[in-house]
Amino acid sequence: MLFKSLMLVGLLSNVAANNLRDNKEEIASVEHLDLEITHADGKRELFPLLPGTKCPPGHTCRARAFEDLTNIAGMTPMGAALKNNLKQPLAMAMNWEELNTNLEQVVTSDSYCTRRAAMKRAAGMAAGLAAAAVAQPAYAAATADVKMGSDAGLLAFVPAKTSICKGDSVKWTNNKGGPHNVVFDEDGVPGGVDAEKISQAEQMGDEGDTFTMAFSTAGEYNYYCEPHRGAGMQGVLIVA
């Protein structure tokens, strides 16, 4: 978890570092820090931060000598920094080309889903997982939660509109005012999707009952609670 957090800190400053990489004198003037971490057993380790990243509040950092991170052809500054500083045997086993591709997607993609998946893959690889393992669609998948009935007892899906990425799941939880179910409108789902197969027609009467479904087709999905459709209990799901 710590290393994933450090990667995120570095990525946030990746754009700034990318603008500097063609000017070595300017890069050399940027502060280079190692974050000092003390483990429960008293052992101390230094983790390199991306050049120009400030020391996180409440932590101790050590200044280090400038390292030229511009001489690794085709790599982002973040990828080069990781390659230069990761210890063996992870550095030898890492698929650096794949890692660098994911880091570039995190910074440059206009798609939230693409950025999220790339960040998860890069973090997984940095943690020692194989590229083939993190490339599986399920690895980057997430689950969104929707309540059936508001905490105040209103007959509504909360939230009424949910956005997810392809491959993600939605978990509906019977909250208040049941029984409830989840029925997708056959005229309100993307072409080729069987509304009946993705619906939970059986009513859930006990609080805490759940229904989970994964979605692999992009588009807009409209659904409702059959017992309370007349009361306006309807929802929208956007799969990107």
Protein backbone atom coordinates (compact mmCIF):
# COMPACT_ATOMS: atom_id res chain seq x y z
CA MET A 1 0.00 0.00 0.00
CA LEU A 2 2.84 2.36 0.83
CA PHE A 3 4.49 1.90 -2.53
CA LYS A 4 1.20 2.45 -4.37
CA SER A 5 0.77 5.72 -2.49
CA LEU A 6 4.28 6.80 -3.40
CA MET A 7 3.60 6.03 -7.04
CA LEU A 8 0.51 8.22 -6.91
CA VAL A 9 2.51 11.09 -5.36
CA GLY A 10 5.03 10.75 -8.15
CA LEU A 11 2.42 10.60 -10.87
CA LEU A 12 0.79 13.81 -9.69
CA SER A 13 4.04 15.61 -10.43
CA ASN A 14 4.77 13.65 -13.61
CA VAL A 15 3.49 16.36 -15.95
CA ALA A 16 5.77 18.96 -14.41
CA ALA A 17 8.76 16.65 -14.64
CA ASN A 18 7.93 15.79 -18.24
CA ASN A 19 8.14 19.48 -19.17
CA LEU A 20 11.61 19.66 -17.65
CA ARG A 21 13.24 16.57 -19.15
CA ASP A 22 14.54 18.37 -22.25
CA ASN A 23 16.45 20.86 -20.09
CA LYS A 24 19.02 18.99 -18.01
CA GLU A 25 20.34 22.08 -16.25
CA GLU A 26 16.85 22.94 -15.06
CA ILE A 27 16.21 19.36 -13.96
CA ALA A 28 19.45 19.35 -12.01
CA SER A 29 18.23 22.37 -10.04
CA VAL A 30 15.07 20.53 -8.94
CA GLU A 31 15.15 19.01 -5.47
CA HIS A 32 15.58 15.24 -5.37
CA LEU A 33 14.32 13.57 -2.21
CA ASP A 34 14.08 10.10 -0.70
CA LEU A 35 11.20 9.48 1.71
CA GLU A 36 12.40 7.81 4.92
CA ILE A 37 10.08 5.14 6.31
CA THR A 38 10.58 3.42 9.67
CA HIS A 39 8.97 -0.02 9.92
CA ALA A 40 7.51 -1.58 13.06
CA ASP A 41 10.72 -3.60 13.57
CA GLY A 42 12.77 -0.39 13.56
CA LYS A 43 14.23 -0.94 10.10
CA ARG A 44 14.51 2.21 7.99
CA GLU A 45 14.16 2.39 4.23
CA LEU A 46 14.39 5.20 1.68
CA PHE A 47 11.88 5.46 -1.15
CA PRO A 48 12.71 7.83 -4.06
CA LEU A 49 10.22 10.57 -4.86
CA LEU A 50 9.89 11.96 -8.37
CA PRO A 51 12.21 14.97 -8.89
CA GLY A 52 10.49 18.13 -7.71
CA THR A 53 8.09 16.31 -5.34
CA LYS A 54 7.99 17.95 -1.91
CA CYS A 55 8.41 15.96 1.27
CA PRO A 56 4.94 14.92 2.55
CA PRO A 57 3.96 16.75 5.76
CA GLY A 58 4.86 14.84 8.90
CA HIS A 59 7.51 12.71 7.18
CA THR A 60 11.30 12.80 7.00
CA CYS A 61 13.04 13.03 3.65
CA ARG A 62 16.71 12.84 2.68
CA ALA A 63 18.21 14.87 -0.14
CA ARG A 64 20.10 12.89 -2.76
CA ALA A 65 22.42 13.70 -5.58
CA PHE A 66 20.92 14.52 -8.97
CA GLU A 67 20.47 11.53 -11.25
CA ASP A 68 19.96 12.09 -14.97
CA LEU A 69 16.57 10.51 -15.67
CA THR A 70 16.44 11.69 -19.28
CA ASN A 71 18.82 9.14 -20.77
CA ILE A 72 16.44 6.15 -20.81
CA ALA A 73 15.01 6.35 -24.29
CA GLY A 74 11.25 6.33 -24.60
CA MET A 75 10.48 6.33 -20.89
CA THR A 76 8.53 8.84 -18.86
CA PRO A 77 10.41 10.48 -15.94
CA MET A 78 8.33 8.42 -13.52
CA GLY A 79 9.18 5.17 -15.26
CA ALA A 80 12.86 6.10 -15.46
CA ALA A 81 12.92 7.07 -11.78
CA LEU A 82 11.42 3.71 -10.80
CA LYS A 83 13.83 1.79 -13.02
CA ASN A 84 16.85 3.62 -11.64
CA ASN A 85 15.88 3.19 -8.00
CA LEU A 86 14.02 -0.11 -7.59
CA LYS A 87 16.07 -2.73 -5.81
CA GLN A 88 16.80 -6.21 -7.10
CA PRO A 89 15.24 -8.69 -7.83
CA LEU A 90 12.10 -6.69 -8.70
CA ALA A 91 14.02 -4.40 -11.06
CA MET A 92 15.27 -7.37 -13.08
CA ALA A 93 11.86 -9.03 -13.28
CA MET A 94 9.87 -5.91 -14.14
CA ASN A 95 8.40 -5.53 -17.63
CA TRP A 96 9.53 -1.90 -17.96
CA GLU A 97 8.02 -1.34 -21.40
CA GLU A 98 4.58 -2.40 -20.17
CA LEU A 99 4.92 -0.37 -16.97
CA ASN A 100 5.93 2.72 -18.92
CA THR A 101 2.96 2.31 -21.27
CA ASN A 102 0.60 2.23 -18.30
CA LEU A 103 2.20 5.30 -16.72
CA GLU A 104 1.82 7.22 -19.98
CA GLN A 105 -1.87 6.29 -20.14
CA VAL A 106 -2.39 7.55 -16.59
CA VAL A 107 -1.03 10.96 -17.56
CA THR A 108 -2.24 11.41 -21.13
CA SER A 109 -5.56 9.55 -21.57
CA ASP A 110 -8.79 11.55 -21.73
CA SER A 111 -10.75 8.54 -20.50
CA TYR A 112 -11.26 8.13 -16.76
CA CYS A 113 -11.72 4.37 -17.17
CA THR A 114 -8.48 4.05 -19.15
CA ARG A 115 -6.57 6.09 -16.56
CA ARG A 116 -8.01 4.09 -13.66
CA ALA A 117 -7.17 0.73 -15.23
CA ALA A 118 -3.66 1.87 -16.16
CA MET A 119 -3.01 3.13 -12.63
CA LYS A 120 -4.13 -0.17 -11.12
CA ARG A 121 -1.98 -2.16 -13.56
CA ALA A 122 1.08 0.00 -12.92
CA ALA A 123 0.63 -0.26 -9.15
CA GLY A 124 0.23 -4.02 -9.41
CA MET A 125 3.40 -4.38 -11.47
CA ALA A 126 5.32 -2.17 -9.06
CA ALA A 127 4.15 -4.45 -6.26
CA GLY A 128 5.69 -7.41 -8.10
CA LEU A 129 2.76 -8.87 -10.07
CA ALA A 130 3.36 -10.15 -13.58
CA ALA A 131 2.17 -8.12 -16.57
CA ALA A 132 -0.05 -11.02 -17.66
CA ALA A 133 -1.79 -11.04 -14.27
CA VAL A 134 -2.60 -7.32 -14.21
CA ALA A 135 -3.70 -7.41 -17.86
CA GLN A 136 -6.76 -9.51 -16.97
CA PRO A 137 -9.97 -7.40 -17.23
CA ALA A 138 -11.09 -8.45 -13.78
CA TYR A 139 -7.90 -7.08 -12.18
CA ALA A 140 -8.87 -3.45 -12.72
CA ALA A 141 -12.59 -3.97 -12.13
CA ALA A 142 -14.47 -2.21 -9.34
CA THR A 143 -17.89 -2.48 -7.70
CA ALA A 144 -20.29 0.44 -7.26
CA ASP A 145 -22.85 0.42 -4.45
CA VAL A 146 -26.49 1.44 -4.82
CA LYS A 147 -28.97 1.53 -1.93
CA MET A 148 -32.56 0.42 -2.51
CA GLY A 149 -34.53 2.86 -0.43
CA SER A 150 -32.91 5.90 1.18
CA ASP A 151 -31.78 5.98 4.80
CA ALA A 152 -34.81 8.18 5.51
CA GLY A 153 -37.13 5.57 4.00
CA LEU A 154 -37.79 7.31 0.66
CA LEU A 155 -38.67 5.00 -2.23
CA ALA A 156 -35.62 5.70 -4.37
CA PHE A 157 -32.37 4.23 -5.61
CA VAL A 158 -29.41 6.02 -3.99
CA PRO A 159 -27.70 7.23 -6.05
CA ALA A 160 -30.31 7.44 -8.79
CA LYS A 161 -27.58 7.64 -11.45
CA THR A 162 -24.45 5.50 -11.34
CA SER A 163 -21.44 5.57 -13.68
CA ILE A 164 -19.04 2.64 -14.00
CA CYS A 165 -16.46 1.27 -16.44
CA LYS A 166 -16.88 -1.81 -18.63
CA GLY A 167 -16.17 -4.90 -16.57
CA ASP A 168 -17.26 -3.26 -13.33
CA SER A 169 -20.13 -4.51 -11.19
CA VAL A 170 -22.99 -2.85 -9.33
CA LYS A 171 -24.19 -4.13 -5.97
CA TRP A 172 -27.74 -3.18 -5.01
CA THR A 173 -28.50 -3.46 -1.29
CA ASN A 174 -32.02 -3.60 0.13
CA ASN A 175 -31.89 -0.69 2.56
CA LYS A 176 -35.30 0.67 3.58
CA GLY A 177 -38.92 0.45 2.50
CA GLY A 178 -38.72 -3.00 0.90
CA PRO A 179 -39.46 -5.29 -0.68
CA HIS A 180 -37.47 -4.13 -3.72
CA ASN A 181 -36.10 -5.58 -6.91
CA VAL A 182 -34.05 -4.44 -9.93
CA VAL A 183 -35.77 -4.72 -13.31
CA PHE A 184 -34.11 -3.38 -16.44
CA ASP A 185 -36.33 -1.90 -19.13
CA GLU A 186 -35.96 -3.94 -22.33
CA ASP A 187 -36.26 -0.72 -24.34
CA GLY A 188 -33.79 1.09 -22.10
CA VAL A 189 -30.62 -1.02 -22.43
CA PRO A 190 -27.89 -1.09 -25.12
CA GLY A 191 -28.53 -3.16 -28.23
CA GLY A 192 -27.77 -6.85 -27.84
CA VAL A 193 -28.20 -6.83 -24.06
CA ASP A 194 -30.84 -9.17 -22.62
CA ALA A 195 -32.65 -7.07 -20.02
CA GLU A 196 -34.17 -10.12 -18.37
CA LYS A 197 -30.79 -11.79 -17.78
CA ILE A 198 -29.34 -8.79 -15.97
CA SER A 199 -32.45 -8.14 -13.85
CA GLN A 200 -33.26 -9.32 -10.35
CA ALA A 201 -36.98 -9.92 -10.72
CA GLU A 202 -37.32 -11.72 -7.40
CA GLN A 203 -38.19 -9.23 -4.69
CA MET A 204 -35.81 -8.82 -1.77
CA GLY A 205 -37.69 -8.37 1.47
CA ASP A 206 -34.98 -8.45 4.14
CA GLU A 207 -32.83 -5.43 4.86
CA GLY A 208 -29.26 -6.16 3.84
CA ASP A 209 -30.18 -8.48 0.96
CA THR A 210 -28.00 -7.79 -2.06
CA PHE A 211 -27.96 -8.30 -5.81
CA THR A 212 -24.72 -7.91 -7.81
CA MET A 213 -24.32 -7.84 -11.58
CA ALA A 214 -21.30 -7.18 -13.83
CA PHE A 215 -21.64 -5.11 -17.02
CA SER A 216 -19.45 -5.58 -20.10
CA THR A 217 -21.39 -3.58 -22.71
CA ALA A 218 -21.04 0.19 -22.80
CA GLY A 219 -24.13 2.36 -22.90
CA GLU A 220 -27.07 3.61 -20.85
CA TYR A 221 -29.20 1.24 -18.79
CA ASN A 222 -32.56 2.23 -17.33
CA TYR A 223 -34.07 0.20 -14.51
CA TYR A 224 -36.78 0.37 -11.87
CA CYS A 225 -38.15 -1.28 -8.75
CA GLU A 226 -41.27 -3.11 -9.87
CA PRO A 227 -43.29 -2.74 -6.62
CA HIS A 228 -42.54 0.99 -6.41
CA ARG A 229 -42.28 2.06 -10.03
CA GLY A 230 -45.45 4.10 -9.66
CA ALA A 231 -43.76 6.01 -6.83
CA GLY A 232 -40.89 6.96 -9.14
CA MET A 233 -38.32 4.45 -7.92
CA GLN A 234 -36.17 4.35 -11.05
CA GLY A 235 -32.44 4.40 -11.73
CA VAL A 236 -29.95 4.98 -14.53
CA LEU A 237 -26.64 3.17 -15.04
CA ILE A 238 -23.97 4.53 -17.40
CA VAL A 239 -21.29 2.05 -18.51
CA ALA A 240 -18.28 3.69 -20.20
